[in-house]
């Protein structure tokens, strides 16, 4: 329980310039690292924080790997979205909202 409270305090203070670098690095290390069934470690992150060309999975244990193509800007009627193509089949393309949680940092 103590570590959860500590993590919540770090989340609140992560943008505080007075916070130590050690606390910031601890925060980055502890955010959503997930161990998969094949003993790989992946990180959960919102799609908006990744760059074009990054490899992602939609679920931690997914077999399909996607590459980020481009970002479509938001308009008054629709939110911003990203275009992702299947790494193995370039003709399979999906569009995800920028707030969608994806998984990266896996061994491919």
PDB file of N, CA and C in Angstrom:
ATOM      1  N   UNK A   1       0.827  -1.189   0.000  1.00  0.00           N
ATOM      2  CA  UNK A   1       0.000   0.000   0.000  1.00  0.00           C
ATOM      3  C   UNK A   1       0.871   1.252   0.000  1.00  0.00           C
ATOM      4  N   UNK A   2       1.964   1.213   0.748  1.00  0.00           N
ATOM      5  CA  UNK A   2       2.826   2.373   0.819  1.00  0.00           C
ATOM      6  C   UNK A   2       3.383   2.732  -0.560  1.00  0.00           C
ATOM      7  N   UNK A   3       3.751   1.718  -1.354  1.00  0.00           N
ATOM      8  CA  UNK A   3       4.314   1.984  -2.670  1.00  0.00           C
ATOM      9  C   UNK A   3       3.268   2.602  -3.606  1.00  0.00           C
ATOM     10  N   UNK A   4       1.974   2.225  -3.449  1.00  0.00           N
ATOM     11  CA  UNK A   4       0.932   2.827  -4.270  1.00  0.00           C
ATOM     12  C   UNK A   4       0.750   4.297  -3.937  1.00  0.00           C
ATOM     13  N   UNK A   5       0.815   4.645  -2.670  1.00  0.00           N
ATOM     14  CA  UNK A   5       0.701   6.044  -2.256  1.00  0.00           C
ATOM     15  C   UNK A   5       1.910   6.822  -2.773  1.00  0.00           C
ATOM     16  N   UNK A   6       3.069   6.210  -2.674  1.00  0.00           N
ATOM     17  CA  UNK A   6       4.284   6.846  -3.164  1.00  0.00           C
ATOM     18  C   UNK A   6       4.193   7.084  -4.670  1.00  0.00           C
ATOM     19  N   UNK A   7       3.680   6.118  -5.412  1.00  0.00           N
ATOM     20  CA  UNK A   7       3.531   6.246  -6.853  1.00  0.00           C
ATOM     21  C   UNK A   7       2.538   7.351  -7.201  1.00  0.00           C
ATOM     22  N   UNK A   8       1.437   7.439  -6.468  1.00  0.00           N
ATOM     23  CA  UNK A   8       0.453   8.498  -6.710  1.00  0.00           C
ATOM     24  C   UNK A   8       1.059   9.874  -6.457  1.00  0.00           C
ATOM     25  N   UNK A   9       1.863  10.006  -5.419  1.00  0.00           N
ATOM     26  CA  UNK A   9       2.522  11.292  -5.138  1.00  0.00           C
ATOM     27  C   UNK A   9       3.494  11.644  -6.258  1.00  0.00           C
ATOM     28  N   UNK A  10       4.195  10.652  -6.785  1.00  0.00           N
ATOM     29  CA  UNK A  10       5.110  10.909  -7.892  1.00  0.00           C
ATOM     30  C   UNK A  10       4.345  11.354  -9.131  1.00  0.00           C
ATOM     31  N   UNK A  11       3.187  10.753  -9.377  1.00  0.00           N
ATOM     32  CA  UNK A  11       2.385  11.144 -10.532  1.00  0.00           C
ATOM     33  C   UNK A  11       1.934  12.592 -10.406  1.00  0.00           C
ATOM     34  N   UNK A  12       1.582  13.009  -9.209  1.00  0.00           N
ATOM     35  CA  UNK A  12       1.132  14.382  -8.983  1.00  0.00           C
ATOM     36  C   UNK A  12       2.280  15.360  -9.171  1.00  0.00           C
ATOM     37  N   UNK A  13       3.465  15.005  -8.695  1.00  0.00           N
ATOM     38  CA  UNK A  13       4.591  15.931  -8.678  1.00  0.00           C
ATOM     39  C   UNK A  13       5.572  15.749  -9.825  1.00  0.00           C
ATOM     40  N   UNK A  14       5.246  14.966 -10.836  1.00  0.00           N
ATOM     41  CA  UNK A  14       6.212  14.670 -11.885  1.00  0.00           C
ATOM     42  C   UNK A  14       6.632  15.922 -12.657  1.00  0.00           C
ATOM     43  N   UNK A  15       5.785  16.921 -12.754  1.00  0.00           N
ATOM     44  CA  UNK A  15       6.136  18.146 -13.471  1.00  0.00           C
ATOM     45  C   UNK A  15       6.701  19.236 -12.561  1.00  0.00           C
ATOM     46  N   UNK A  16       6.867  18.948 -11.312  1.00  0.00           N
ATOM     47  CA  UNK A  16       7.416  19.902 -10.365  1.00  0.00           C
ATOM     48  C   UNK A  16       8.925  20.004 -10.577  1.00  0.00           C
ATOM     49  N   UNK A  17       9.459  21.197 -10.926  1.00  0.00           N
ATOM     50  CA  UNK A  17      10.893  21.307 -11.173  1.00  0.00           C
ATOM     51  C   UNK A  17      11.743  21.055  -9.938  1.00  0.00           C
ATOM     52  N   UNK A  18      11.155  21.183  -8.764  1.00  0.00           N
ATOM     53  CA  UNK A  18      11.911  20.965  -7.531  1.00  0.00           C
ATOM     54  C   UNK A  18      12.067  19.480  -7.212  1.00  0.00           C
ATOM     55  N   UNK A  19      11.318  18.627  -7.894  1.00  0.00           N
ATOM     56  CA  UNK A  19      11.397  17.190  -7.628  1.00  0.00           C
ATOM     57  C   UNK A  19      12.729  16.656  -8.147  1.00  0.00           C
ATOM     58  N   UNK A  20      13.291  15.728  -7.417  1.00  0.00           N
ATOM     59  CA  UNK A  20      14.614  15.214  -7.778  1.00  0.00           C
ATOM     60  C   UNK A  20      14.575  14.362  -9.037  1.00  0.00           C
ATOM     61  N   UNK A  21      15.713  14.270  -9.721  1.00  0.00           N
ATOM     62  CA  UNK A  21      15.821  13.430 -10.916  1.00  0.00           C
ATOM     63  C   UNK A  21      15.626  11.964 -10.572  1.00  0.00           C
ATOM     64  N   UNK A  22      16.022  11.580  -9.371  1.00  0.00           N
ATOM     65  CA  UNK A  22      15.867  10.194  -8.948  1.00  0.00           C
ATOM     66  C   UNK A  22      14.386   9.819  -8.889  1.00  0.00           C
ATOM     67  N   UNK A  23      13.572  10.717  -8.361  1.00  0.00           N
ATOM     68  CA  UNK A  23      12.142  10.451  -8.259  1.00  0.00           C
ATOM     69  C   UNK A  23      11.506  10.372  -9.644  1.00  0.00           C
ATOM     70  N   UNK A  24      11.948  11.233 -10.564  1.00  0.00           N
ATOM     71  CA  UNK A  24      11.407  11.190 -11.922  1.00  0.00           C
ATOM     72  C   UNK A  24      11.771   9.894 -12.621  1.00  0.00           C
ATOM     73  N   UNK A  25      13.005   9.440 -12.468  1.00  0.00           N
ATOM     74  CA  UNK A  25      13.403   8.194 -13.116  1.00  0.00           C
ATOM     75  C   UNK A  25      12.673   7.010 -12.496  1.00  0.00           C
ATOM     76  N   UNK A  26      12.444   7.049 -11.185  1.00  0.00           N
ATOM     77  CA  UNK A  26      11.676   6.000 -10.519  1.00  0.00           C
ATOM     78  C   UNK A  26      10.258   5.964 -11.071  1.00  0.00           C
ATOM     79  N   UNK A  27       9.685   7.134 -11.300  1.00  0.00           N
ATOM     80  CA  UNK A  27       8.334   7.220 -11.848  1.00  0.00           C
ATOM     81  C   UNK A  27       8.278   6.588 -13.239  1.00  0.00           C
ATOM     82  N   UNK A  28       9.245   6.904 -14.087  1.00  0.00           N
ATOM     83  CA  UNK A  28       9.265   6.358 -15.442  1.00  0.00           C
ATOM     84  C   UNK A  28       9.414   4.842 -15.432  1.00  0.00           C
ATOM     85  N   UNK A  29      10.214   4.332 -14.515  1.00  0.00           N
ATOM     86  CA  UNK A  29      10.444   2.896 -14.441  1.00  0.00           C
ATOM     87  C   UNK A  29       9.205   2.137 -13.981  1.00  0.00           C
ATOM     88  N   UNK A  30       8.393   2.756 -13.132  1.00  0.00           N
ATOM     89  CA  UNK A  30       7.289   2.044 -12.513  1.00  0.00           C
ATOM     90  C   UNK A  30       5.971   2.201 -13.246  1.00  0.00           C
ATOM     91  N   UNK A  31       5.903   3.038 -14.260  1.00  0.00           N
ATOM     92  CA  UNK A  31       4.644   3.229 -14.975  1.00  0.00           C
ATOM     93  C   UNK A  31       4.374   2.035 -15.869  1.00  0.00           C
ATOM     94  N   UNK A  32       3.342   1.323 -15.563  1.00  0.00           N
ATOM     95  CA  UNK A  32       2.753   0.298 -16.412  1.00  0.00           C
ATOM     96  C   UNK A  32       3.737  -0.610 -17.130  1.00  0.00           C
ATOM     97  N   UNK A  33       4.655  -1.220 -16.414  1.00  0.00           N
ATOM     98  CA  UNK A  33       5.474  -2.268 -17.003  1.00  0.00           C
ATOM     99  C   UNK A  33       4.758  -3.584 -16.760  1.00  0.00           C
ATOM    100  N   UNK A  34       4.473  -4.296 -17.832  1.00  0.00           N
ATOM    101  CA  UNK A  34       3.660  -5.502 -17.763  1.00  0.00           C
ATOM    102  C   UNK A  34       4.485  -6.683 -18.234  1.00  0.00           C
ATOM    103  N   UNK A  35       4.408  -7.774 -17.477  1.00  0.00           N
ATOM    104  CA  UNK A  35       5.081  -9.026 -17.848  1.00  0.00           C
ATOM    105  C   UNK A  35       4.096  -9.858 -18.649  1.00  0.00           C
ATOM    106  N   UNK A  36       4.474 -10.273 -19.856  1.00  0.00           N
ATOM    107  CA  UNK A  36       3.585 -11.042 -20.716  1.00  0.00           C
ATOM    108  C   UNK A  36       3.750 -12.534 -20.460  1.00  0.00           C
ATOM    109  N   UNK A  37       2.899 -13.328 -21.120  1.00  0.00           N
ATOM    110  CA  UNK A  37       2.933 -14.778 -20.944  1.00  0.00           C
ATOM    111  C   UNK A  37       4.235 -15.398 -21.426  1.00  0.00           C
ATOM    112  N   UNK A  38       4.865 -14.776 -22.435  1.00  0.00           N
ATOM    113  CA  UNK A  38       6.129 -15.309 -22.941  1.00  0.00           C
ATOM    114  C   UNK A  38       7.332 -14.670 -22.247  1.00  0.00           C
ATOM    115  N   UNK A  39       7.124 -14.152 -21.036  1.00  0.00           N
ATOM    116  CA  UNK A  39       8.161 -13.590 -20.162  1.00  0.00           C
ATOM    117  C   UNK A  39       8.871 -12.391 -20.768  1.00  0.00           C
ATOM    118  N   UNK A  40       8.151 -11.603 -21.539  1.00  0.00           N
ATOM    119  CA  UNK A  40       8.653 -10.363 -22.098  1.00  0.00           C
ATOM    120  C   UNK A  40       8.054  -9.217 -21.290  1.00  0.00           C
ATOM    121  N   UNK A  41       8.753  -8.107 -21.204  1.00  0.00           N
ATOM    122  CA  UNK A  41       8.245  -6.949 -20.482  1.00  0.00           C
ATOM    123  C   UNK A  41       7.874  -5.871 -21.484  1.00  0.00           C
ATOM    124  N   UNK A  42       6.632  -5.369 -21.394  1.00  0.00           N
ATOM    125  CA  UNK A  42       6.164  -4.305 -22.275  1.00  0.00           C
ATOM    126  C   UNK A  42       5.712  -3.121 -21.422  1.00  0.00           C
ATOM    127  N   UNK A  43       5.693  -1.950 -22.041  1.00  0.00           N
ATOM    128  CA  UNK A  43       5.235  -0.742 -21.360  1.00  0.00           C
ATOM    129  C   UNK A  43       3.947  -0.254 -22.014  1.00  0.00           C
ATOM    130  N   UNK A  44       2.971   0.066 -21.189  1.00  0.00           N
ATOM    131  CA  UNK A  44       1.717   0.630 -21.679  1.00  0.00           C
ATOM    132  C   UNK A  44       1.886   2.141 -21.779  1.00  0.00           C
ATOM    133  N   UNK A  45       1.505   2.704 -22.922  1.00  0.00           N
ATOM    134  CA  UNK A  45       1.667   4.133 -23.145  1.00  0.00           C
ATOM    135  C   UNK A  45       0.593   4.607 -24.113  1.00  0.00           C
ATOM    136  N   UNK A  46       0.178   5.860 -23.961  1.00  0.00           N
ATOM    137  CA  UNK A  46      -0.797   6.424 -24.892  1.00  0.00           C
ATOM    138  C   UNK A  46      -0.127   6.641 -26.243  1.00  0.00           C
ATOM    139  N   UNK A  47      -0.866   6.434 -27.291  1.00  0.00           N
ATOM    140  CA  UNK A  47      -0.344   6.514 -28.648  1.00  0.00           C
ATOM    141  C   UNK A  47       0.254   7.884 -28.962  1.00  0.00           C
ATOM    142  N   UNK A  48      -0.272   8.940 -28.357  1.00  0.00           N
ATOM    143  CA  UNK A  48       0.201  10.292 -28.648  1.00  0.00           C
ATOM    144  C   UNK A  48       1.652  10.530 -28.233  1.00  0.00           C
ATOM    145  N   UNK A  49       2.191   9.702 -27.350  1.00  0.00           N
ATOM    146  CA  UNK A  49       3.560   9.889 -26.858  1.00  0.00           C
ATOM    147  C   UNK A  49       4.599   9.154 -27.696  1.00  0.00           C
ATOM    148  N   UNK A  50       4.175   8.485 -28.757  1.00  0.00           N
ATOM    149  CA  UNK A  50       5.097   7.734 -29.602  1.00  0.00           C
ATOM    150  C   UNK A  50       5.346   8.475 -30.913  1.00  0.00           C
ATOM    151  N   UNK A  51       6.347   8.043 -31.653  1.00  0.00           N
ATOM    152  CA  UNK A  51       6.729   8.694 -32.894  1.00  0.00           C
ATOM    153  C   UNK A  51       6.384   7.833 -34.100  1.00  0.00           C
ATOM    154  N   UNK A  52       6.410   8.449 -35.263  1.00  0.00           N
ATOM    155  CA  UNK A  52       6.194   7.742 -36.522  1.00  0.00           C
ATOM    156  C   UNK A  52       7.299   6.700 -36.680  1.00  0.00           C
ATOM    157  N   UNK A  53       6.921   5.492 -37.058  1.00  0.00           N
ATOM    158  CA  UNK A  53       7.882   4.416 -37.254  1.00  0.00           C
ATOM    159  C   UNK A  53       8.056   3.504 -36.055  1.00  0.00           C
ATOM    160  N   UNK A  54       7.489   3.859 -34.904  1.00  0.00           N
ATOM    161  CA  UNK A  54       7.594   3.007 -33.724  1.00  0.00           C
ATOM    162  C   UNK A  54       6.733   1.755 -33.895  1.00  0.00           C
ATOM    163  N   UNK A  55       7.195   0.654 -33.325  1.00  0.00           N
ATOM    164  CA  UNK A  55       6.452  -0.607 -33.361  1.00  0.00           C
ATOM    165  C   UNK A  55       5.626  -0.738 -32.093  1.00  0.00           C
ATOM    166  N   UNK A  56       4.356  -1.108 -32.238  1.00  0.00           N
ATOM    167  CA  UNK A  56       3.459  -1.229 -31.090  1.00  0.00           C
ATOM    168  C   UNK A  56       2.597  -2.472 -31.235  1.00  0.00           C
ATOM    169  N   UNK A  57       2.030  -2.894 -30.109  1.00  0.00           N
ATOM    170  CA  UNK A  57       1.015  -3.944 -30.072  1.00  0.00           C
ATOM    171  C   UNK A  57      -0.229  -3.346 -29.440  1.00  0.00           C
ATOM    172  N   UNK A  58      -1.393  -3.881 -29.796  1.00  0.00           N
ATOM    173  CA  UNK A  58      -2.642  -3.369 -29.230  1.00  0.00           C
ATOM    174  C   UNK A  58      -2.952  -3.989 -27.880  1.00  0.00           C
ATOM    175  N   UNK A  59      -2.467  -5.191 -27.622  1.00  0.00           N
ATOM    176  CA  UNK A  59      -2.637  -5.894 -26.342  1.00  0.00           C
ATOM    177  C   UNK A  59      -1.272  -6.412 -25.916  1.00  0.00           C
ATOM    178  N   UNK A  60      -1.025  -6.610 -24.625  1.00  0.00           N
ATOM    179  CA  UNK A  60       0.303  -7.061 -24.188  1.00  0.00           C
ATOM    180  C   UNK A  60       0.732  -8.393 -24.788  1.00  0.00           C
ATOM    181  N   UNK A  61      -0.208  -9.334 -24.979  1.00  0.00           N
ATOM    182  CA  UNK A  61       0.131 -10.666 -25.484  1.00  0.00           C
ATOM    183  C   UNK A  61      -0.199 -10.844 -26.962  1.00  0.00           C
ATOM    184  N   UNK A  62      -0.453  -9.746 -27.671  1.00  0.00           N
ATOM    185  CA  UNK A  62      -0.848  -9.836 -29.078  1.00  0.00           C
ATOM    186  C   UNK A  62       0.282 -10.351 -29.949  1.00  0.00           C
ATOM    187  N   UNK A  63      -0.084 -11.048 -30.999  1.00  0.00           N
ATOM    188  CA  UNK A  63       0.899 -11.526 -31.966  1.00  0.00           C
ATOM    189  C   UNK A  63       1.138 -10.487 -33.058  1.00  0.00           C
ATOM    190  N   UNK A  64       0.109  -9.718 -33.415  1.00  0.00           N
ATOM    191  CA  UNK A  64       0.225  -8.715 -34.472  1.00  0.00           C
ATOM    192  C   UNK A  64       1.008  -7.503 -33.970  1.00  0.00           C
ATOM    193  N   UNK A  65       1.939  -7.057 -34.800  1.00  0.00           N
ATOM    194  CA  UNK A  65       2.750  -5.879 -34.501  1.00  0.00           C
ATOM    195  C   UNK A  65       2.422  -4.817 -35.537  1.00  0.00           C
ATOM    196  N   UNK A  66       2.209  -3.587 -35.078  1.00  0.00           N
ATOM    197  CA  UNK A  66       1.854  -2.490 -35.963  1.00  0.00           C
ATOM    198  C   UNK A  66       2.956  -1.433 -35.954  1.00  0.00           C
ATOM    199  N   UNK A  67       3.092  -0.735 -37.072  1.00  0.00           N
ATOM    200  CA  UNK A  67       4.028   0.384 -37.188  1.00  0.00           C
ATOM    201  C   UNK A  67       3.193   1.653 -37.365  1.00  0.00           C
ATOM    202  N   UNK A  68       3.587   2.728 -36.685  1.00  0.00           N
ATOM    203  CA  UNK A  68       2.847   3.992 -36.758  1.00  0.00           C
ATOM    204  C   UNK A  68       3.200   4.693 -38.059  1.00  0.00           C
ATOM    205  N   UNK A  69       2.172   5.000 -38.876  1.00  0.00           N
ATOM    206  CA  UNK A  69       2.387   5.666 -40.159  1.00  0.00           C
ATOM    207  C   UNK A  69       2.371   7.182 -40.055  1.00  0.00           C
ATOM    208  N   UNK A  70       1.231   7.740 -39.646  1.00  0.00           N
ATOM    209  CA  UNK A  70       1.095   9.191 -39.574  1.00  0.00           C
ATOM    210  C   UNK A  70      -0.032   9.557 -38.632  1.00  0.00           C
ATOM    211  N   UNK A  71      -0.127  10.859 -38.344  1.00  0.00           N
ATOM    212  CA  UNK A  71      -1.168  11.382 -37.461  1.00  0.00           C
ATOM    213  C   UNK A  71      -2.099  12.264 -38.272  1.00  0.00           C
ATOM    214  N   UNK A  72      -3.393  12.041 -38.128  1.00  0.00           N
ATOM    215  CA  UNK A  72      -4.396  12.917 -38.733  1.00  0.00           C
ATOM    216  C   UNK A  72      -4.791  13.956 -37.695  1.00  0.00           C
ATOM    217  N   UNK A  73      -4.702  15.214 -38.045  1.00  0.00           N
ATOM    218  CA  UNK A  73      -5.017  16.294 -37.107  1.00  0.00           C
ATOM    219  C   UNK A  73      -6.480  16.252 -36.686  1.00  0.00           C
ATOM    220  N   UNK A  74      -6.731  16.801 -35.512  1.00  0.00           N
ATOM    221  CA  UNK A  74      -8.098  16.909 -35.017  1.00  0.00           C
ATOM    222  C   UNK A  74      -8.816  18.035 -35.756  1.00  0.00           C
ATOM    223  N   UNK A  75     -10.110  17.868 -35.930  1.00  0.00           N
ATOM    224  CA  UNK A  75     -10.943  18.923 -36.503  1.00  0.00           C
ATOM    225  C   UNK A  75     -12.052  19.227 -35.507  1.00  0.00           C
ATOM    226  N   UNK A  76     -12.951  20.091 -35.899  1.00  0.00           N
ATOM    227  CA  UNK A  76     -14.063  20.422 -35.006  1.00  0.00           C
ATOM    228  C   UNK A  76     -15.001  19.238 -34.800  1.00  0.00           C
ATOM    229  N   UNK A  77     -15.048  18.339 -35.775  1.00  0.00           N
ATOM    230  CA  UNK A  77     -16.012  17.241 -35.708  1.00  0.00           C
ATOM    231  C   UNK A  77     -15.410  15.903 -35.317  1.00  0.00           C
ATOM    232  N   UNK A  78     -14.075  15.761 -35.346  1.00  0.00           N
ATOM    233  CA  UNK A  78     -13.473  14.473 -34.990  1.00  0.00           C
ATOM    234  C   UNK A  78     -12.157  14.678 -34.262  1.00  0.00           C
ATOM    235  N   UNK A  79     -11.825  13.761 -33.367  1.00  0.00           N
ATOM    236  CA  UNK A  79     -10.565  13.866 -32.620  1.00  0.00           C
ATOM    237  C   UNK A  79      -9.373  13.448 -33.484  1.00  0.00           C
ATOM    238  N   UNK A  80      -8.182  13.778 -33.028  1.00  0.00           N
ATOM    239  CA  UNK A  80      -6.971  13.357 -33.739  1.00  0.00           C
ATOM    240  C   UNK A  80      -6.872  11.836 -33.684  1.00  0.00           C
ATOM    241  N   UNK A  81      -6.301  11.267 -34.747  1.00  0.00           N
ATOM    242  CA  UNK A  81      -6.148   9.827 -34.803  1.00  0.00           C
ATOM    243  C   UNK A  81      -4.838   9.481 -35.497  1.00  0.00           C
ATOM    244  N   UNK A  82      -4.377   8.272 -35.262  1.00  0.00           N
ATOM    245  CA  UNK A  82      -3.137   7.786 -35.847  1.00  0.00           C
ATOM    246  C   UNK A  82      -3.436   6.640 -36.794  1.00  0.00           C
ATOM    247  N   UNK A  83      -2.666   6.568 -37.871  1.00  0.00           N
ATOM    248  CA  UNK A  83      -2.754   5.472 -38.821  1.00  0.00           C
ATOM    249  C   UNK A  83      -1.668   4.465 -38.472  1.00  0.00           C
ATOM    250  N   UNK A  84      -2.049   3.189 -38.320  1.00  0.00           N
ATOM    251  CA  UNK A  84      -1.101   2.117 -38.032  1.00  0.00           C
ATOM    252  C   UNK A  84      -1.273   1.018 -39.076  1.00  0.00           C
ATOM    253  N   UNK A  85      -0.153   0.485 -39.556  1.00  0.00           N
ATOM    254  CA  UNK A  85      -0.184  -0.630 -40.510  1.00  0.00           C
ATOM    255  C   UNK A  85       0.425  -1.855 -39.863  1.00  0.00           C
ATOM    256  N   UNK A  86      -0.136  -3.004 -40.197  1.00  0.00           N
ATOM    257  CA  UNK A  86       0.410  -4.271 -39.725  1.00  0.00           C
ATOM    258  C   UNK A  86       1.816  -4.430 -40.299  1.00  0.00           C
ATOM    259  N   UNK A  87       2.770  -4.823 -39.467  1.00  0.00           N
ATOM    260  CA  UNK A  87       4.158  -4.944 -39.896  1.00  0.00           C
ATOM    261  C   UNK A  87       4.324  -6.041 -40.941  1.00  0.00           C
ATOM    262  N   UNK A  88       3.531  -7.107 -40.852  1.00  0.00           N
ATOM    263  CA  UNK A  88       3.633  -8.232 -41.769  1.00  0.00           C
ATOM    264  C   UNK A  88       2.787  -8.051 -43.039  1.00  0.00           C
ATOM    265  N   UNK A  89       1.739  -7.233 -42.963  1.00  0.00           N
ATOM    266  CA  UNK A  89       0.830  -7.044 -44.089  1.00  0.00           C
ATOM    267  C   UNK A  89       0.534  -5.562 -44.237  1.00  0.00           C
ATOM    268  N   UNK A  90       1.225  -4.892 -45.135  1.00  0.00           N
ATOM    269  CA  UNK A  90       1.105  -3.439 -45.253  1.00  0.00           C
ATOM    270  C   UNK A  90      -0.273  -2.992 -45.723  1.00  0.00           C
ATOM    271  N   UNK A  91      -1.083  -3.893 -46.257  1.00  0.00           N
ATOM    272  CA  UNK A  91      -2.421  -3.525 -46.720  1.00  0.00           C
ATOM    273  C   UNK A  91      -3.446  -3.486 -45.591  1.00  0.00           C
ATOM    274  N   UNK A  92      -3.096  -3.990 -44.425  1.00  0.00           N
ATOM    275  CA  UNK A  92      -4.000  -3.941 -43.278  1.00  0.00           C
ATOM    276  C   UNK A  92      -3.681  -2.682 -42.481  1.00  0.00           C
ATOM    277  N   UNK A  93      -4.606  -1.735 -42.484  1.00  0.00           N
ATOM    278  CA  UNK A  93      -4.394  -0.458 -41.810  1.00  0.00           C
ATOM    279  C   UNK A  93      -5.525  -0.216 -40.826  1.00  0.00           C
ATOM    280  N   UNK A  94      -5.173   0.305 -39.654  1.00  0.00           N
ATOM    281  CA  UNK A  94      -6.178   0.653 -38.647  1.00  0.00           C
ATOM    282  C   UNK A  94      -5.960   2.093 -38.229  1.00  0.00           C
ATOM    283  N   UNK A  95      -7.006   2.726 -37.740  1.00  0.00           N
ATOM    284  CA  UNK A  95      -6.937   4.090 -37.236  1.00  0.00           C
ATOM    285  C   UNK A  95      -7.353   4.073 -35.773  1.00  0.00           C
ATOM    286  N   UNK A  96      -6.502   4.617 -34.911  1.00  0.00           N
ATOM    287  CA  UNK A  96      -6.770   4.646 -33.475  1.00  0.00           C
ATOM    288  C   UNK A  96      -6.732   6.076 -32.966  1.00  0.00           C
ATOM    289  N   UNK A  97      -7.561   6.377 -31.983  1.00  0.00           N
ATOM    290  CA  UNK A  97      -7.535   7.696 -31.353  1.00  0.00           C
ATOM    291  C   UNK A  97      -6.220   7.880 -30.616  1.00  0.00           C
ATOM    292  N   UNK A  98      -5.801   9.133 -30.458  1.00  0.00           N
ATOM    293  CA  UNK A  98      -4.503   9.402 -29.862  1.00  0.00           C
ATOM    294  C   UNK A  98      -4.424   9.039 -28.381  1.00  0.00           C
ATOM    295  N   UNK A  99      -5.549   8.860 -27.713  1.00  0.00           N
ATOM    296  CA  UNK A  99      -5.560   8.485 -26.297  1.00  0.00           C
ATOM    297  C   UNK A  99      -5.546   6.974 -26.081  1.00  0.00           C
ATOM    298  N   UNK A 100      -5.555   6.200 -27.153  1.00  0.00           N
ATOM    299  CA  UNK A 100      -5.569   4.746 -27.051  1.00  0.00           C
ATOM    300  C   UNK A 100      -4.275   4.250 -26.419  1.00  0.00           C
ATOM    301  N   UNK A 101      -4.404   3.349 -25.453  1.00  0.00           N
ATOM    302  CA  UNK A 101      -3.236   2.744 -24.811  1.00  0.00           C
ATOM    303  C   UNK A 101      -2.728   1.609 -25.695  1.00  0.00           C
ATOM    304  N   UNK A 102      -1.438   1.670 -26.023  1.00  0.00           N
ATOM    305  CA  UNK A 102      -0.781   0.617 -26.797  1.00  0.00           C
ATOM    306  C   UNK A 102       0.429   0.137 -26.002  1.00  0.00           C
ATOM    307  N   UNK A 103       1.049  -0.919 -26.465  1.00  0.00           N
ATOM    308  CA  UNK A 103       2.152  -1.537 -25.732  1.00  0.00           C
ATOM    309  C   UNK A 103       3.401  -1.535 -26.595  1.00  0.00           C
ATOM    310  N   UNK A 104       4.508  -1.105 -26.007  1.00  0.00           N
ATOM    311  CA  UNK A 104       5.774  -1.006 -26.720  1.00  0.00           C
ATOM    312  C   UNK A 104       6.890  -1.528 -25.818  1.00  0.00           C
ATOM    313  N   UNK A 105       8.088  -1.633 -26.355  1.00  0.00           N
ATOM    314  CA  UNK A 105       9.222  -2.101 -25.572  1.00  0.00           C
ATOM    315  C   UNK A 105       9.355  -3.607 -25.580  1.00  0.00           C
ATOM    316  N   UNK A 106       8.654  -4.297 -26.436  1.00  0.00           N
ATOM    317  CA  UNK A 106       8.678  -5.752 -26.508  1.00  0.00           C
ATOM    318  C   UNK A 106       9.838  -6.214 -27.383  1.00  0.00           C
ATOM    319  N   UNK A 107      10.168  -7.500 -27.294  1.00  0.00           N
ATOM    320  CA  UNK A 107      11.183  -8.090 -28.141  1.00  0.00           C
ATOM    321  C   UNK A 107      10.502  -8.624 -29.391  1.00  0.00           C
ATOM    322  N   UNK A 108      11.000  -8.206 -30.554  1.00  0.00           N
ATOM    323  CA  UNK A 108      10.381  -8.629 -31.808  1.00  0.00           C
ATOM    324  C   UNK A 108      11.404  -9.305 -32.673  1.00  0.00           C
TER     325      UNK A 108
END
